[in-house]
Protein backbone atom coordinates (compact mmCIF):
# COMPACT_ATOMS: atom_id res chain seq x y z
CA MET A 1 0.00 0.00 0.00
CA LEU A 2 2.80 2.43 0.85
CA THR A 3 4.27 1.78 -2.60
CA VAL A 4 0.96 2.84 -4.18
CA LEU A 5 0.87 5.95 -2.01
CA ARG A 6 4.41 6.90 -2.94
CA SER A 7 3.89 6.09 -6.60
CA TRP A 8 1.01 8.53 -6.98
CA ALA A 9 3.47 11.39 -6.73
CA ARG A 10 5.12 10.22 -9.93
CA ARG A 11 2.21 8.57 -11.75
CA PRO A 12 -0.80 10.61 -12.88
CA ASP A 13 -2.77 7.39 -13.51
CA THR A 14 -2.69 6.54 -9.77
CA PHE A 15 -3.86 10.05 -8.93
CA ARG A 16 -6.65 9.71 -11.52
CA THR A 17 -7.77 6.43 -9.95
CA VAL A 18 -8.10 8.00 -6.48
CA LEU A 19 -9.80 11.00 -8.05
CA GLY A 20 -12.34 8.83 -9.84
CA GLU A 21 -13.17 6.80 -6.76
CA ARG A 22 -13.38 9.58 -4.19
CA SER A 23 -14.11 12.92 -5.87
CA GLN A 24 -17.88 12.65 -5.26
CA ARG A 25 -17.22 12.27 -1.51
CA TRP A 26 -15.09 15.42 -1.47
CA TYR A 27 -17.66 17.31 -3.51
CA ASN A 28 -20.51 16.24 -1.18
CA ALA A 29 -18.59 17.37 1.90
CA CYS A 30 -17.83 20.74 0.29
CA LEU A 31 -21.44 21.08 -0.82
CA ARG A 32 -22.72 20.43 2.71
CA MET A 33 -20.41 23.14 3.97
CA THR A 34 -20.96 25.77 1.26
CA ARG A 35 -24.53 24.97 0.16
CA ASP A 36 -23.47 26.18 -3.29
CA PRO A 37 -22.83 23.60 -6.03
CA ASP A 38 -20.53 25.91 -7.99
CA LEU A 39 -18.53 26.85 -4.91
CA ALA A 40 -18.24 23.18 -3.92
CA ALA A 41 -17.02 22.24 -7.39
CA ASP A 42 -14.51 25.11 -7.31
CA ALA A 43 -13.28 23.95 -3.89
CA VAL A 44 -12.71 20.39 -5.11
CA GLN A 45 -10.97 21.60 -8.26
CA GLU A 46 -8.74 23.91 -6.21
CA ALA A 47 -8.01 21.08 -3.77
CA LEU A 48 -7.00 18.72 -6.54
CA LEU A 49 -4.71 21.31 -8.07
CA LYS A 50 -3.14 21.94 -4.65
CA ALA A 51 -2.81 18.21 -3.94
CA TRP A 52 -1.16 17.58 -7.31
CA GLY A 53 1.14 20.56 -6.83
CA ARG A 54 2.09 19.39 -3.34
CA ARG A 55 2.28 15.68 -4.14
CA ASP A 56 5.93 15.57 -3.09
CA GLU A 57 4.85 16.74 0.40
CA PHE A 58 2.53 13.74 0.91
CA ARG A 59 4.33 11.50 3.38
CA GLY A 60 1.79 8.69 3.58
CA GLU A 61 1.11 9.26 7.30
CA SER A 62 -2.59 9.53 6.52
CA ASP A 63 -4.71 8.02 3.80
CA LEU A 64 -4.46 9.83 0.46
CA ASP A 65 -8.25 10.21 0.42
CA THR A 66 -8.20 11.83 3.87
CA TRP A 67 -5.37 14.16 2.87
CA ILE A 68 -7.23 15.43 -0.20
CA HIS A 69 -10.55 15.57 1.71
CA ARG A 70 -8.98 17.91 4.22
CA ILE A 71 -7.47 20.08 1.48
CA ALA A 72 -10.92 20.27 -0.18
CA LEU A 73 -12.68 21.41 3.00
CA ASN A 74 -9.97 24.00 3.64
CA ALA A 75 -10.42 25.20 0.06
CA ALA A 76 -14.18 25.50 0.61
CA ILE A 77 -13.62 27.57 3.75
CA ASP A 78 -11.12 29.78 1.92
CA LEU A 79 -13.49 30.31 -1.01
CA MET A 80 -16.36 31.17 1.34
CA ARG A 81 -14.14 33.63 3.14
CA ARG A 82 -12.92 35.19 -0.11
CA ARG A 83 -16.37 35.54 -1.58
CA LYS A 84 -17.82 36.63 1.76
CA SER A 85 -20.62 34.25 0.98
CA HIS A 86 -23.31 33.43 3.46
CA ALA A 87 -23.90 30.07 1.81
CA ALA A 88 -22.82 28.25 4.98
CA ASP A 89 -25.61 30.07 6.82
CA ASP A 90 -28.07 27.75 5.13
CA LEU A 91 -26.44 24.48 6.19
CA ASP A 92 -28.91 21.77 5.31
CA ALA A 93 -30.29 20.29 8.50
CA GLU A 94 -31.53 17.27 6.55
CA SER A 95 -27.92 16.26 5.87
CA LEU A 96 -27.22 16.15 9.61
CA ILE A 97 -29.87 13.64 10.64
CA ALA A 98 -30.38 10.03 9.61
CA GLU A 99 -33.07 8.90 7.20
CA PRO A 100 -36.25 7.81 8.96
CA SER A 101 -38.05 4.50 8.59
CA ALA A 102 -40.96 4.64 6.17
CA THR A 103 -43.79 4.94 8.71
CA PRO A 104 -45.90 8.13 8.56
CA ASP A 105 -45.30 8.89 12.25
CA ARG A 106 -41.55 8.64 11.86
CA GLU A 107 -41.62 10.74 8.70
CA TYR A 108 -43.57 13.44 10.53
CA VAL A 109 -41.13 13.37 13.45
CA HIS A 110 -38.17 13.41 11.06
CA GLU A 111 -39.57 16.43 9.20
CA ALA A 112 -40.35 18.27 12.45
CA MET A 113 -36.87 17.52 13.81
CA GLY A 114 -35.32 18.68 10.53
CA ARG A 115 -37.22 21.98 10.67
CA ASP A 116 -36.23 22.55 14.29
CA LEU A 117 -32.61 21.70 13.54
CA ALA A 118 -32.56 24.03 10.52
CA THR A 119 -33.97 26.85 12.65
CA ALA A 120 -31.42 26.16 15.40
CA MET A 121 -28.55 26.08 12.90
CA GLU A 122 -29.70 29.43 11.45
CA ARG A 123 -29.30 31.01 14.89
CA LEU A 124 -25.61 30.09 14.95
CA THR A 125 -23.02 32.50 13.62
CA THR A 126 -21.12 31.48 10.51
CA MET A 127 -18.05 30.68 12.62
CA GLU A 128 -20.12 28.58 15.06
CA ARG A 129 -21.75 26.69 12.18
CA GLN A 130 -18.43 26.01 10.48
CA THR A 131 -16.78 24.90 13.72
CA PHE A 132 -19.72 22.64 14.60
CA PHE A 133 -19.75 21.15 11.09
CA LEU A 134 -16.01 20.46 11.02
CA ARG A 135 -15.99 18.90 14.49
CA HIS A 136 -19.21 16.93 14.61
CA ILE A 137 -19.92 16.16 10.96
CA GLU A 138 -16.41 15.89 9.50
CA GLY A 139 -14.70 14.71 12.72
CA TRP A 140 -11.83 17.20 12.70
CA HIS A 141 -9.71 17.84 15.79
CA LEU A 142 -9.77 21.29 17.38
CA ASP A 143 -6.22 22.12 16.30
CA GLU A 144 -7.16 21.35 12.69
CA ILE A 145 -10.30 23.47 12.95
CA ALA A 146 -8.34 26.35 14.46
CA GLU A 147 -5.77 26.23 11.70
CA SER A 148 -8.40 25.99 8.98
CA LEU A 149 -10.49 28.87 10.36
CA GLN A 150 -7.38 30.95 11.09
CA THR A 151 -7.90 31.20 14.82
CA ASN A 152 -6.35 29.58 17.88
CA VAL A 153 -7.43 26.37 19.59
CA ASN A 154 -9.00 28.16 22.56
CA ASN A 155 -11.18 30.29 20.28
CA ALA A 156 -12.21 27.21 18.30
CA LYS A 157 -13.05 25.40 21.54
CA GLN A 158 -15.11 28.35 22.85
CA THR A 159 -16.89 28.73 19.52
CA LEU A 160 -17.76 25.04 19.48
CA PHE A 161 -18.95 25.24 23.09
CA ARG A 162 -21.23 28.19 22.25
CA ALA A 163 -22.62 26.39 19.21
CA VAL A 164 -23.40 23.22 21.15
CA ARG A 165 -24.92 25.20 24.01
CA LYS A 166 -27.21 27.11 21.61
CA LEU A 167 -28.23 23.91 19.86
CA ARG A 168 -28.98 22.19 23.16
CA VAL A 169 -31.22 25.06 24.22
CA ASP A 170 -33.01 25.21 20.88
CA LEU A 171 -33.40 21.45 20.57
CA HIS A 172 -34.18 20.60 24.20
CA VAL A 173 -37.60 19.21 23.23
CA TRP A 174 -35.88 16.46 21.27
CA ARG A 175 -33.75 15.22 24.16
CA SER A 176 -34.93 11.89 25.51
CA GLU A 177 -36.06 11.89 29.10
CA SER A 178 -33.92 9.69 31.34
């Protein structure tokens, strides 16, 4: 496997194989973050150009897919920042909750929960939404979030804390009673 990872730096066909298998995943993650298909496509394209340009820097300590995925999300954040877009303000709540079973009651509950989650997410600031998304949806560590959002770890931690606190307050009716 390490041979394949090292060979991609010298062989465009290996890069193309990874691209073909995983580009939709990177695009979907960028789309969830930006809520703009064109911006998501631009982010993936920029990420692929950066990854190809930096291929000699890839050390194989992480999976190639993960490395490019991270570059793509950073590119999406950078593009949003550059365009001063509020596309992330409309983060799709439906993408954050699991699909319901097909019963009418569950569908109603799922739709109601989705509406409440969308409303709660709208109350978050852009920074809170991005931090929450990167941590709880994409699984990033706080130091990675801080670097990506150009802040320090303490600010990222406080922003995440505020986001979770606001969501807990807004979604308290959905918490199960113990």
